[in-house]
Amino acid sequence: MKKEKSLHPSLPDVWAWVILAGVILFTVVCRVQMLSFPLERDEGEYAYAGQLILQGIPPYSIACNMKLPGTCLMYALIMLAFPQTSAGIHLGLLLFNLASILLVFLVVRRLFDNIEAIISAAIFAFLSLNPLALALQAHATHFIVFFSLLGILLLLRAIDTGRPVDTLLSGLLFGMAFIMKQQAAPIVLFGLIYLVIMRRNFKESVRHGGIFIAGAVIPFAAVCIWLLAAGVFHNFWFWTFKYASQYASRVPVSAAYGIFLGGLESAVGVYKWLWLLGAIGIVAPIWDKSLRKHSFFAAGFLLFTFISVCPGFYFRPHYFITMFPALAISAAIFITSVSRLILRWSYSKIWILLSFAITFVLLVQIIIPQWNFFFYCTPSKACRIIYSANPFPEAVVIADYIKANTRPNDTIAIIGSEPEICFYSRRHSATEFMYVYSLFEKGNRYAPIMRRMFCKEMINSRPSYILFVHNYASFLADEAGIAEFMSQCEPFINKYYKPAGLVDMISPMETEYYWGDKAACLSASSNYYIRIYKRTDYKGPADH
């Protein structure tokens, strides 16, 4: 789509690129401080699955989850380029985030002008740094954003050129966004609707719409063929569609609003003014005719990215990351349009200075409260600030112990949801369950079967070590439910295993580690602890 000549003075291209370089540099400085941030559960899940892929083991074989495998593939790609560490993974995320900032700039520049493009890129960059939206972690939503923006850029070119190959490539990229996680489906639908409406000719709309759909289907079809050939299609279909559809229908509509407010509060945080301007920015074309041609894009993109947050009504903070580009674009056009409205000098460059001044003030008031977090906190301390008593720093220490005391072909069983331990230790899980949440979910008709499967797989594999994570966030179940499940596991553990370690999380900032015989004699002093059990007949490297 060719950009029409602006009705207002613009910023020279060279200055636009210089300012964009400054935004990118600031993003790098902020994120580099947090590269060694311990992996959290979702990251551990993707990293472990990606590690298995690099070992030639397909997803849904010895490690299963309900998400499509695209993000695991992206992790595998990152780990081909960088070390298999938390820093390596976050370095990969940094590159994808920088690419997304550039794509926001290019998309908005094609639709509007350099001013809106720079402001959109800057706002998106800052939104992408929100710790409470869990935006520092390599969630699937970051990869959805990257592929969606790349798909939009190709979509705009396809609308401009009318070439079927551009339409096909655009659909392919939107399809890549979908296989990152099912959450991207509404964004794919937005791409199709926007393409069809912008073609304006019915026959051309049908033709290009069909080509777009064909492109969007290709990545998913390729995944299905791959997993079918690998012999794991049945597991894949069960976890990503049968179980996932049930999981997405668990939350009643009556509870959705309260959950939404809780998730939104974390996602917004100190960024409330950017969110407010993003929410109301779609009204800017009412008084600014220069924005009207692309007002449908801005409003539609915001609407459909919001819909992408809604499936299942869980509204977890990182789900909102898919909205960040649309919010940034909407906020930017509001800022520039208000600047022009205030000054009422359509052909004066003063409105450009005012737009930048408003944006600068908004961004400064965001970064100042977070200055200590980004520039003085260690990654471990930052992890505690965000994740409180979750055992993510402890997972690194535990994994080091496991790695030092086992052989590469040994397996471990984790009674809890901490797949990052498998990744760090480079040891396979004794069960296919990377999480145990599904074993305890109320209304999950598969839960009793899953509990039996977990116990059977653990018993049959006779893992070298068994870890029990006594932490609510690792189960999302009440004590009675956990105790009932442990009563099924304990006869096997008591008969064939002995205590080998105790990780006692005394407070969010203090953890005690006990190993060997000392661990057997101690009780945890807090309600957050991890017990490590070693098989009694196991002779590991340290035993020789």
Protein backbone atom coordinates (compact mmCIF):
# COMPACT_ATOMS: atom_id res chain seq x y z
CA MET A 1 0.00 0.00 0.00
CA LYS A 2 1.59 3.23 -1.14
CA LYS A 3 1.63 6.01 1.37
CA GLU A 4 -0.12 9.15 0.20
CA LYS A 5 1.57 12.51 0.48
CA SER A 6 1.13 13.79 4.02
CA LEU A 7 -1.13 16.76 4.65
CA HIS A 8 1.37 17.98 7.24
CA PRO A 9 5.11 18.63 7.39
CA SER A 10 7.04 15.46 8.11
CA LEU A 11 10.27 14.46 9.77
CA PRO A 12 13.17 13.81 7.38
CA ASP A 13 13.93 10.10 6.95
CA VAL A 14 17.44 10.45 8.32
CA TRP A 15 16.16 11.87 11.61
CA ALA A 16 13.49 9.21 11.82
CA TRP A 17 16.12 6.47 11.57
CA VAL A 18 18.41 8.22 14.07
CA ILE A 19 15.62 8.45 16.66
CA LEU A 20 14.63 4.83 16.00
CA ALA A 21 18.25 3.81 16.60
CA GLY A 22 18.10 5.63 19.95
CA VAL A 23 14.92 3.75 20.92
CA ILE A 24 16.51 0.44 19.97
CA LEU A 25 19.70 1.27 21.91
CA PHE A 26 17.71 2.11 25.04
CA THR A 27 15.79 -1.16 24.72
CA VAL A 28 19.04 -3.09 24.43
CA VAL A 29 20.49 -1.40 27.53
CA CYS A 30 17.38 -2.26 29.58
CA ARG A 31 17.09 -5.85 28.42
CA VAL A 32 20.81 -6.68 28.62
CA GLN A 33 20.65 -6.14 32.37
CA MET A 34 18.10 -8.96 32.60
CA LEU A 35 19.52 -11.54 30.20
CA SER A 36 20.35 -13.95 33.04
CA PHE A 37 16.85 -13.69 34.53
CA PRO A 38 15.96 -17.25 35.66
CA LEU A 39 13.54 -19.04 33.38
CA GLU A 40 9.98 -19.24 34.61
CA ARG A 41 7.63 -22.17 33.94
CA ASP A 42 6.41 -21.27 30.47
CA GLU A 43 9.96 -20.54 29.38
CA GLY A 44 11.12 -23.79 30.97
CA GLU A 45 8.41 -25.66 29.06
CA TYR A 46 9.42 -24.16 25.71
CA ALA A 47 13.14 -24.51 26.43
CA TYR A 48 12.86 -28.15 27.45
CA ALA A 49 10.72 -28.99 24.40
CA GLY A 50 13.12 -27.04 22.15
CA GLN A 51 16.05 -28.89 23.66
CA LEU A 52 14.36 -32.19 22.87
CA ILE A 53 13.76 -31.09 19.27
CA LEU A 54 17.49 -30.41 18.92
CA GLN A 55 18.07 -33.96 20.18
CA GLY A 56 15.78 -35.29 17.44
CA ILE A 57 12.83 -35.92 19.77
CA PRO A 58 9.56 -34.47 18.43
CA PRO A 59 7.07 -32.57 20.61
CA TYR A 60 4.24 -34.53 22.26
CA SER A 61 6.33 -37.69 22.51
CA ILE A 62 8.04 -37.63 25.91
CA ALA A 63 6.96 -34.07 26.81
CA CYS A 64 3.42 -32.80 26.23
CA ASN A 65 1.55 -29.53 26.59
CA MET A 66 -1.60 -27.96 25.16
CA LYS A 67 0.10 -25.30 23.03
CA LEU A 68 0.95 -25.57 19.36
CA PRO A 69 4.66 -26.30 18.80
CA GLY A 70 5.72 -23.10 17.03
CA THR A 71 7.25 -21.44 20.07
CA CYS A 72 9.18 -24.62 20.91
CA LEU A 73 10.59 -24.51 17.38
CA MET A 74 11.57 -20.86 17.85
CA TYR A 75 13.35 -21.79 21.10
CA ALA A 76 15.18 -24.57 19.25
CA LEU A 77 16.22 -22.04 16.61
CA ILE A 78 17.45 -19.62 19.28
CA MET A 79 19.39 -22.41 20.99
CA LEU A 80 21.07 -23.27 17.69
CA ALA A 81 22.44 -19.74 17.59
CA PHE A 82 23.08 -19.09 21.28
CA PRO A 83 23.99 -21.16 24.37
CA GLN A 84 21.32 -23.32 25.99
CA THR A 85 21.06 -21.02 28.99
CA SER A 86 18.59 -18.47 30.26
CA ALA A 87 20.88 -15.71 28.96
CA GLY A 88 21.02 -17.33 25.52
CA ILE A 89 17.24 -17.60 25.34
CA HIS A 90 16.72 -14.01 26.48
CA LEU A 91 19.31 -12.83 23.98
CA GLY A 92 17.22 -14.48 21.29
CA LEU A 93 14.12 -12.76 22.68
CA LEU A 94 15.96 -9.44 22.58
CA LEU A 95 16.63 -9.85 18.86
CA PHE A 96 13.00 -10.73 18.15
CA ASN A 97 11.84 -7.77 20.22
CA LEU A 98 14.15 -5.41 18.35
CA ALA A 99 12.86 -6.80 15.08
CA SER A 100 9.30 -6.20 16.26
CA ILE A 101 10.14 -2.57 17.14
CA LEU A 102 11.51 -2.12 13.63
CA LEU A 103 8.41 -3.75 12.13
CA VAL A 104 6.08 -1.43 14.07
CA PHE A 105 8.04 1.48 12.64
CA LEU A 106 7.86 0.14 9.07
CA VAL A 107 4.16 -0.73 9.24
CA VAL A 108 3.11 2.65 10.65
CA ARG A 109 5.44 4.50 8.30
CA ARG A 110 3.71 2.80 5.39
CA LEU A 111 0.27 3.72 6.70
CA PHE A 112 0.84 7.16 8.19
CA ASP A 113 4.11 9.08 8.45
CA ASN A 114 7.54 9.19 10.07
CA ILE A 115 6.20 11.01 13.14
CA GLU A 116 3.53 8.42 13.92
CA ALA A 117 6.01 5.66 13.05
CA ILE A 118 8.68 6.84 15.49
CA ILE A 119 6.20 7.45 18.31
CA SER A 120 4.52 4.06 17.75
CA ALA A 121 7.88 2.27 17.81
CA ALA A 122 8.96 4.08 21.00
CA ILE A 123 5.69 3.35 22.80
CA PHE A 124 5.76 -0.29 21.72
CA ALA A 125 9.37 -0.61 22.91
CA PHE A 126 8.44 0.72 26.36
CA LEU A 127 5.30 -1.41 26.61
CA SER A 128 7.49 -4.42 25.78
CA LEU A 129 9.63 -3.68 28.84
CA ASN A 130 6.76 -3.95 31.33
CA PRO A 131 7.97 -6.42 34.01
CA LEU A 132 4.50 -6.92 35.51
CA ALA A 133 3.11 -7.89 32.10
CA LEU A 134 5.87 -10.54 32.16
CA ALA A 135 7.20 -8.94 28.97
CA LEU A 136 10.83 -9.62 29.89
CA GLN A 137 10.21 -13.35 29.50
CA ALA A 138 10.22 -15.19 26.17
CA HIS A 139 6.51 -15.97 26.04
CA ALA A 140 4.77 -17.21 22.92
CA THR A 141 3.04 -13.84 22.63
CA HIS A 142 6.31 -12.15 21.64
CA PHE A 143 6.64 -14.49 18.67
CA ILE A 144 2.98 -13.97 17.77
CA VAL A 145 3.69 -10.24 17.67
CA PHE A 146 6.76 -10.68 15.46
CA PHE A 147 5.08 -12.88 12.85
CA SER A 148 1.85 -10.86 12.91
CA LEU A 149 3.70 -7.61 12.23
CA LEU A 150 5.75 -9.19 9.47
CA GLY A 151 2.54 -10.59 8.02
CA ILE A 152 0.89 -7.15 8.16
CA LEU A 153 3.84 -5.55 6.38
CA LEU A 154 3.53 -8.12 3.57
CA LEU A 155 -0.25 -7.69 3.62
CA LEU A 156 0.07 -3.96 2.99
CA ARG A 157 2.41 -4.66 0.11
CA ALA A 158 0.00 -7.26 -1.27
CA ILE A 159 -2.84 -4.72 -1.19
CA ASP A 160 -0.62 -2.25 -3.00
CA THR A 161 0.82 -4.56 -5.66
CA GLY A 162 -2.05 -7.00 -6.09
CA ARG A 163 0.49 -9.78 -6.58
CA PRO A 164 -0.76 -13.20 -5.45
CA VAL A 165 2.71 -14.15 -4.20
CA ASP A 166 2.65 -11.24 -1.70
CA THR A 167 -0.78 -12.32 -0.51
CA LEU A 168 0.41 -15.92 -0.12
CA LEU A 169 3.50 -14.87 1.84
CA SER A 170 1.41 -12.65 4.07
CA GLY A 171 -0.96 -15.52 4.84
CA LEU A 172 2.03 -17.78 5.49
CA LEU A 173 3.38 -15.35 8.10
CA PHE A 174 0.01 -15.03 9.80
CA GLY A 175 -0.12 -18.83 9.82
CA MET A 176 3.28 -18.84 11.52
CA ALA A 177 1.83 -16.57 14.21
CA PHE A 178 -0.97 -19.11 14.76
CA ILE A 179 1.34 -22.08 15.29
CA MET A 180 3.18 -20.08 17.96
CA LYS A 181 0.01 -20.41 20.03
CA GLN A 182 -3.71 -20.79 19.33
CA GLN A 183 -4.22 -17.32 20.80
CA ALA A 184 -3.20 -15.80 17.45
CA ALA A 185 -6.32 -17.05 15.62
CA PRO A 186 -8.25 -13.72 15.91
CA ILE A 187 -5.23 -11.83 14.52
CA VAL A 188 -5.17 -14.13 11.49
CA LEU A 189 -8.88 -13.39 11.04
CA PHE A 190 -8.14 -9.66 11.17
CA GLY A 191 -5.58 -10.04 8.39
CA LEU A 192 -8.12 -11.83 6.20
CA ILE A 193 -10.91 -9.32 6.86
CA TYR A 194 -8.67 -6.33 6.23
CA LEU A 195 -7.38 -7.84 2.99
CA VAL A 196 -10.89 -8.59 1.70
CA ILE A 197 -12.23 -5.14 2.55
CA MET A 198 -9.28 -3.30 1.04
CA ARG A 199 -9.52 -5.20 -2.27
CA ARG A 200 -12.96 -3.61 -2.87
CA ASN A 201 -13.54 -5.69 -5.98
CA PHE A 202 -15.61 -8.78 -5.11
CA LYS A 203 -13.83 -11.19 -7.44
CA GLU A 204 -10.42 -9.94 -6.36
CA SER A 205 -11.47 -10.15 -2.70
CA VAL A 206 -12.51 -13.78 -3.09
CA ARG A 207 -9.38 -14.65 -5.07
CA HIS A 208 -6.91 -13.00 -2.70
CA GLY A 209 -8.85 -14.15 0.35
CA GLY A 210 -8.51 -17.75 -0.84
CA ILE A 211 -4.79 -17.30 -1.48
CA PHE A 212 -4.36 -15.76 1.99
CA ILE A 213 -6.19 -18.66 3.64
CA ALA A 214 -4.08 -21.16 1.71
CA GLY A 215 -0.93 -19.44 2.94
CA ALA A 216 -2.19 -19.32 6.52
CA VAL A 217 -2.97 -23.05 6.49
CA ILE A 218 0.47 -24.12 5.23
CA PRO A 219 2.38 -23.82 8.59
CA PHE A 220 -0.30 -25.76 10.48
CA ALA A 221 -0.49 -28.40 7.75
CA ALA A 222 3.30 -28.73 7.82
CA VAL A 223 3.19 -29.25 11.61
CA CYS A 224 0.51 -31.93 11.25
CA ILE A 225 2.49 -33.77 8.56
CA TRP A 226 5.67 -33.59 10.64
CA LEU A 227 4.01 -34.94 13.78
CA LEU A 228 2.09 -37.58 11.82
CA ALA A 229 5.36 -38.81 10.32
CA ALA A 230 6.93 -38.77 13.81
CA GLY A 231 4.11 -40.98 15.13
CA VAL A 232 2.90 -38.50 17.76
CA PHE A 233 -0.10 -36.97 15.98
CA HIS A 234 -2.57 -38.63 18.35
CA ASN A 235 -0.88 -37.06 21.40
CA PHE A 236 -0.62 -33.74 19.58
CA TRP A 237 -4.32 -33.68 18.72
CA PHE A 238 -5.37 -34.70 22.21
CA TRP A 239 -3.31 -32.06 24.01
CA THR A 240 -3.73 -29.11 21.63
CA PHE A 241 -7.38 -29.56 20.70
CA LYS A 242 -9.30 -32.03 22.86
CA TYR A 243 -7.78 -31.09 26.20
CA ALA A 244 -7.11 -27.47 25.20
CA SER A 245 -10.74 -26.91 24.18
CA GLN A 246 -11.92 -28.23 27.53
CA TYR A 247 -9.34 -26.07 29.34
CA ALA A 248 -10.57 -22.99 27.45
CA SER A 249 -14.17 -23.60 28.55
CA ARG A 250 -13.54 -24.02 32.28
CA VAL A 251 -13.95 -20.39 33.38
CA PRO A 252 -17.63 -19.31 33.52
CA VAL A 253 -18.63 -16.11 31.76
CA SER A 254 -19.84 -14.72 35.09
CA ALA A 255 -16.28 -14.78 36.43
CA ALA A 256 -14.66 -13.31 33.31
CA TYR A 257 -14.96 -9.62 34.22
CA GLY A 258 -13.29 -9.98 37.62
CA ILE A 259 -10.45 -12.03 36.14
CA PHE A 260 -10.08 -9.49 33.33
CA LEU A 261 -9.66 -6.61 35.78
CA GLY A 262 -6.99 -8.52 37.71
CA GLY A 263 -5.00 -9.39 34.58
CA LEU A 264 -5.40 -5.89 33.17
CA GLU A 265 -4.11 -4.30 36.37
CA SER A 266 -0.84 -6.20 36.06
CA ALA A 267 -0.57 -5.65 32.32
CA VAL A 268 -1.10 -1.88 32.71
CA GLY A 269 0.91 -1.08 35.86
CA VAL A 270 2.65 2.28 35.57
CA TYR A 271 1.87 2.33 31.84
CA LYS A 272 -1.71 3.51 32.44
CA TRP A 273 -1.42 6.71 30.38
CA LEU A 274 -0.15 4.80 27.35
CA TRP A 275 -3.01 2.34 27.69
CA LEU A 276 -5.54 5.13 28.07
CA LEU A 277 -4.29 6.96 24.98
CA GLY A 278 -4.18 3.66 23.09
CA ALA A 279 -7.77 2.89 24.04
CA ILE A 280 -9.15 6.27 22.98
CA GLY A 281 -6.82 6.82 20.01
CA ILE A 282 -9.32 5.24 17.61
CA VAL A 283 -11.48 8.40 17.90
CA ALA A 284 -8.71 10.67 16.58
CA PRO A 285 -9.88 10.45 12.93
CA ILE A 286 -13.06 12.29 13.98
CA TRP A 287 -11.18 15.59 14.06
CA ASP A 288 -8.11 14.71 11.96
CA LYS A 289 -8.98 13.88 8.37
CA SER A 290 -5.39 12.87 7.59
CA LEU A 291 -5.94 9.72 9.68
CA ARG A 292 -9.27 8.64 8.23
CA LYS A 293 -8.04 6.51 5.37
CA HIS A 294 -6.39 4.04 7.74
CA SER A 295 -8.69 4.43 10.73
CA PHE A 296 -10.23 1.01 10.03
CA PHE A 297 -6.80 -0.61 10.28
CA ALA A 298 -6.00 1.06 13.62
CA ALA A 299 -9.41 0.30 15.16
CA GLY A 300 -9.64 -3.21 13.71
CA PHE A 301 -6.14 -4.17 14.76
CA LEU A 302 -6.84 -3.00 18.31
CA LEU A 303 -10.17 -4.85 18.45
CA PHE A 304 -8.89 -8.17 17.13
CA THR A 305 -5.75 -8.15 19.27
CA PHE A 306 -8.01 -7.58 22.28
CA ILE A 307 -10.10 -10.57 21.20
CA SER A 308 -6.89 -12.59 21.08
CA VAL A 309 -6.49 -11.95 24.82
CA CYS A 310 -9.95 -13.29 25.66
CA PRO A 311 -10.07 -17.05 24.83
CA GLY A 312 -10.70 -19.02 28.00
CA PHE A 313 -11.19 -15.81 30.04
CA TYR A 314 -7.90 -16.37 31.85
CA PHE A 315 -6.50 -12.90 31.04
CA ARG A 316 -3.00 -13.63 32.28
CA PRO A 317 -0.74 -10.57 32.11
CA HIS A 318 1.47 -11.85 29.29
CA TYR A 319 -1.59 -12.53 27.10
CA PHE A 320 -1.93 -8.75 26.70
CA ILE A 321 1.44 -8.56 24.91
CA THR A 322 -0.37 -9.26 21.63
CA MET A 323 -2.15 -5.91 22.07
CA PHE A 324 1.04 -3.86 22.44
CA PRO A 325 1.59 -3.00 18.74
CA ALA A 326 -2.05 -1.96 18.26
CA LEU A 327 -2.03 0.08 21.48
CA ALA A 328 1.20 1.80 20.41
CA ILE A 329 -0.22 2.72 17.00
CA SER A 330 -3.47 4.01 18.46
CA ALA A 331 -1.68 6.05 21.14
CA ALA A 332 0.69 7.53 18.55
CA ILE A 333 -2.05 8.74 16.21
CA PHE A 334 -3.88 10.23 19.20
CA ILE A 335 -0.78 12.14 20.33
CA THR A 336 -0.02 13.54 16.87
CA SER A 337 -3.63 14.42 16.11
CA VAL A 338 -4.09 16.19 19.45
CA SER A 339 -0.86 18.12 18.87
CA ARG A 340 -2.18 19.36 15.55
CA LEU A 341 -5.57 20.14 17.07
CA ILE A 342 -4.04 22.14 19.94
CA LEU A 343 -1.84 24.24 17.69
CA ARG A 344 -4.29 24.45 14.77
CA TRP A 345 -1.36 25.25 12.45
CA SER A 346 -1.60 22.40 10.00
CA TYR A 347 1.51 23.37 8.10
CA SER A 348 3.71 24.34 11.04
CA LYS A 349 6.42 22.01 12.28
CA ILE A 350 5.75 23.05 15.87
CA TRP A 351 3.20 20.25 16.18
CA ILE A 352 6.03 17.77 15.57
CA LEU A 353 7.95 19.13 18.56
CA LEU A 354 4.80 19.04 20.68
CA SER A 355 4.13 15.41 19.69
CA PHE A 356 7.65 14.39 20.64
CA ALA A 357 7.47 16.38 23.88
CA ILE A 358 4.22 14.66 24.94
CA THR A 359 5.67 11.26 24.10
CA PHE A 360 8.92 11.99 25.94
CA VAL A 361 7.07 13.07 29.09
CA LEU A 362 4.90 9.94 28.99
CA LEU A 363 7.90 7.65 28.59
CA VAL A 364 9.99 9.36 31.25
CA GLN A 365 7.23 9.10 33.84
CA ILE A 366 7.15 5.36 33.08
CA ILE A 367 10.85 4.63 33.28
CA ILE A 368 11.65 6.65 36.42
CA PRO A 369 9.65 4.41 38.82
CA GLN A 370 11.34 1.38 37.23
CA TRP A 371 14.85 2.79 37.11
CA ASN A 372 16.12 0.81 40.09
CA PHE A 373 14.54 -2.38 38.76
CA PHE A 374 16.26 -2.18 35.37
CA PHE A 375 19.62 -0.76 36.39
CA TYR A 376 20.27 -1.83 40.00
CA CYS A 377 18.44 -5.13 40.54
CA THR A 378 20.22 -8.40 39.92
CA PRO A 379 18.25 -10.84 37.74
CA SER A 380 17.55 -13.05 40.78
CA LYS A 381 16.24 -10.14 42.83
CA ALA A 382 14.15 -8.95 39.89
CA CYS A 383 12.74 -12.47 39.63
CA ARG A 384 11.64 -12.30 43.28
CA ILE A 385 10.01 -8.91 42.74
CA ILE A 386 7.93 -10.26 39.86
CA TYR A 387 7.39 -13.89 40.84
CA SER A 388 7.65 -13.78 44.63
CA ALA A 389 8.05 -17.27 46.14
CA ASN A 390 8.11 -19.21 42.88
CA PRO A 391 11.25 -21.41 42.90
CA PHE A 392 12.80 -20.15 39.67
CA PRO A 393 16.24 -19.12 41.06
CA GLU A 394 16.25 -22.34 43.09
CA ALA A 395 15.66 -24.37 39.93
CA VAL A 396 19.12 -23.40 38.69
CA VAL A 397 20.84 -24.71 41.85
CA ILE A 398 18.74 -27.89 41.93
CA ALA A 399 19.45 -28.59 38.27
CA ASP A 400 23.19 -28.17 38.85
CA TYR A 401 22.99 -30.75 41.64
CA ILE A 402 20.99 -33.15 39.46
CA LYS A 403 23.37 -32.72 36.54
CA ALA A 404 26.42 -33.34 38.71
CA ASN A 405 24.95 -36.46 40.31
CA THR A 406 23.35 -38.20 37.33
CA ARG A 407 24.38 -39.48 33.92
CA PRO A 408 23.08 -37.97 30.66
CA ASN A 409 20.70 -40.88 30.00
CA ASP A 410 19.13 -40.80 33.47
CA THR A 411 15.61 -39.49 33.99
CA ILE A 412 14.08 -37.42 36.76
CA ALA A 413 10.47 -37.10 37.91
CA ILE A 414 9.12 -33.74 39.04
CA ILE A 415 5.97 -33.81 41.13
CA GLY A 416 5.14 -30.23 40.38
CA SER A 417 5.25 -27.88 37.40
CA GLU A 418 8.90 -26.91 37.01
CA PRO A 419 10.05 -28.06 33.55
CA GLU A 420 12.88 -25.55 33.66
CA ILE A 421 14.73 -28.02 35.91
CA CYS A 422 14.74 -30.58 33.08
CA PHE A 423 16.09 -27.93 30.72
CA TYR A 424 18.86 -26.71 33.03
CA SER A 425 19.95 -30.22 34.04
CA ARG A 426 19.62 -31.57 30.47
CA ARG A 427 17.86 -34.63 31.86
CA HIS A 428 14.65 -36.06 30.46
CA SER A 429 11.48 -36.12 32.50
CA ALA A 430 10.29 -39.56 33.59
CA THR A 431 6.73 -38.58 32.66
CA GLU A 432 5.25 -36.78 29.66
CA PHE A 433 3.68 -34.14 31.95
CA MET A 434 5.65 -30.91 31.92
CA TYR A 435 2.97 -29.48 34.22
CA VAL A 436 0.78 -31.21 36.79
CA TYR A 437 -1.98 -28.59 36.70
CA SER A 438 -4.13 -30.78 34.47
CA LEU A 439 -4.08 -33.51 37.13
CA PHE A 440 -5.95 -31.30 39.59
CA GLU A 441 -8.23 -29.10 37.50
CA LYS A 442 -11.82 -29.17 38.62
CA GLY A 443 -14.12 -30.10 35.77
CA ASN A 444 -11.34 -31.78 33.81
CA ARG A 445 -12.79 -35.16 32.94
CA TYR A 446 -9.32 -36.37 31.99
CA ALA A 447 -7.81 -35.56 35.41
CA PRO A 448 -8.26 -39.02 37.04
CA ILE A 449 -6.77 -40.70 33.97
CA MET A 450 -3.88 -38.23 33.95
CA ARG A 451 -3.11 -38.86 37.62
CA ARG A 452 -2.95 -42.59 36.96
CA MET A 453 -0.78 -42.03 33.88
CA PHE A 454 1.63 -39.85 35.84
CA CYS A 455 2.08 -42.45 38.57
CA LYS A 456 2.37 -45.32 36.08
CA GLU A 457 4.98 -43.52 33.96
CA MET A 458 6.99 -42.56 37.05
CA ILE A 459 6.93 -46.11 38.44
CA ASN A 460 7.77 -47.76 35.12
CA SER A 461 10.70 -45.46 34.36
CA ARG A 462 12.22 -45.72 37.86
CA PRO A 463 13.86 -42.27 37.65
CA SER A 464 17.20 -41.66 39.33
CA TYR A 465 15.75 -38.73 41.28
CA ILE A 466 12.26 -37.59 42.22
CA LEU A 467 11.52 -33.98 43.14
CA PHE A 468 8.46 -32.90 45.09
CA VAL A 469 7.74 -29.18 44.79
CA HIS A 470 5.65 -28.03 47.74
CA ASN A 471 4.48 -24.73 46.31
CA TYR A 472 0.90 -23.75 45.51
CA ALA A 473 1.89 -22.08 42.24
CA SER A 474 3.37 -25.36 41.03
CA PHE A 475 0.05 -27.19 41.49
CA LEU A 476 -2.77 -24.63 41.67
CA ALA A 477 -4.50 -27.14 43.93
CA ASP A 478 -5.45 -27.12 47.59
CA GLU A 479 -3.44 -28.99 50.22
CA ALA A 480 -6.03 -31.75 50.40
CA GLY A 481 -5.76 -32.44 46.68
CA ILE A 482 -1.96 -32.46 46.78
CA ALA A 483 -1.93 -34.71 49.85
CA GLU A 484 -4.33 -37.15 48.21
CA PHE A 485 -2.14 -37.37 45.13
CA MET A 486 1.02 -37.76 47.19
CA SER A 487 -0.60 -40.65 49.06
CA GLN A 488 -0.61 -42.47 45.72
CA CYS A 489 3.06 -41.66 45.06
CA GLU A 490 4.51 -42.12 48.54
CA PRO A 491 4.42 -45.95 48.73
CA PHE A 492 6.66 -46.10 45.67
CA ILE A 493 8.91 -43.28 46.90
CA ASN A 494 9.22 -44.65 50.45
CA LYS A 495 10.08 -48.15 49.16
CA TYR A 496 12.67 -47.28 46.54
CA TYR A 497 13.98 -43.78 47.38
CA LYS A 498 15.69 -41.91 50.16
CA PRO A 499 15.93 -38.16 50.90
CA ALA A 500 18.86 -36.54 49.12
CA GLY A 501 18.10 -32.85 49.32
CA LEU A 502 15.92 -30.17 50.85
CA VAL A 503 15.51 -26.69 49.42
CA ASP A 504 13.86 -24.57 52.08
CA MET A 505 12.56 -21.19 50.88
CA ILE A 506 12.54 -19.40 54.21
CA SER A 507 11.58 -16.05 52.71
CA PRO A 508 11.42 -14.54 49.21
CA MET A 509 15.02 -13.41 49.62
CA GLU A 510 16.46 -16.31 51.65
CA THR A 511 16.75 -19.98 50.69
CA GLU A 512 18.63 -22.73 52.50
CA TYR A 513 19.99 -25.78 50.67
CA TYR A 514 20.67 -29.10 52.41
CA TRP A 515 22.11 -32.16 50.67
CA GLY A 516 22.80 -35.78 51.52
CA ASP A 517 22.17 -37.23 54.98
CA LYS A 518 21.54 -33.80 56.49
CA ALA A 519 18.47 -33.38 54.29
CA ALA A 520 16.94 -36.55 55.70
CA CYS A 521 17.08 -35.24 59.26
CA LEU A 522 15.46 -31.86 58.65
CA SER A 523 11.95 -30.59 58.23
CA ALA A 524 11.20 -27.54 56.13
CA SER A 525 10.77 -24.37 58.17
CA SER A 526 8.48 -22.77 55.60
CA ASN A 527 5.52 -23.80 53.49
CA TYR A 528 7.59 -23.40 50.32
CA TYR A 529 10.12 -26.14 49.83
CA ILE A 530 11.39 -28.78 47.44
CA ARG A 531 12.25 -32.32 48.50
CA ILE A 532 14.74 -34.27 46.39
CA TYR A 533 14.72 -38.07 46.59
CA LYS A 534 17.37 -40.41 45.22
CA ARG A 535 16.72 -44.01 44.22
CA THR A 536 18.37 -46.20 46.85
CA ASP A 537 20.07 -48.54 44.38
CA TYR A 538 21.23 -45.77 42.08
CA LYS A 539 24.97 -45.26 41.68
CA GLY A 540 25.61 -41.92 40.05
CA PRO A 541 28.89 -40.30 38.99
CA ALA A 542 29.48 -38.95 42.49
CA ASP A 543 29.19 -42.44 43.98
CA HIS A 544 32.27 -43.78 42.20
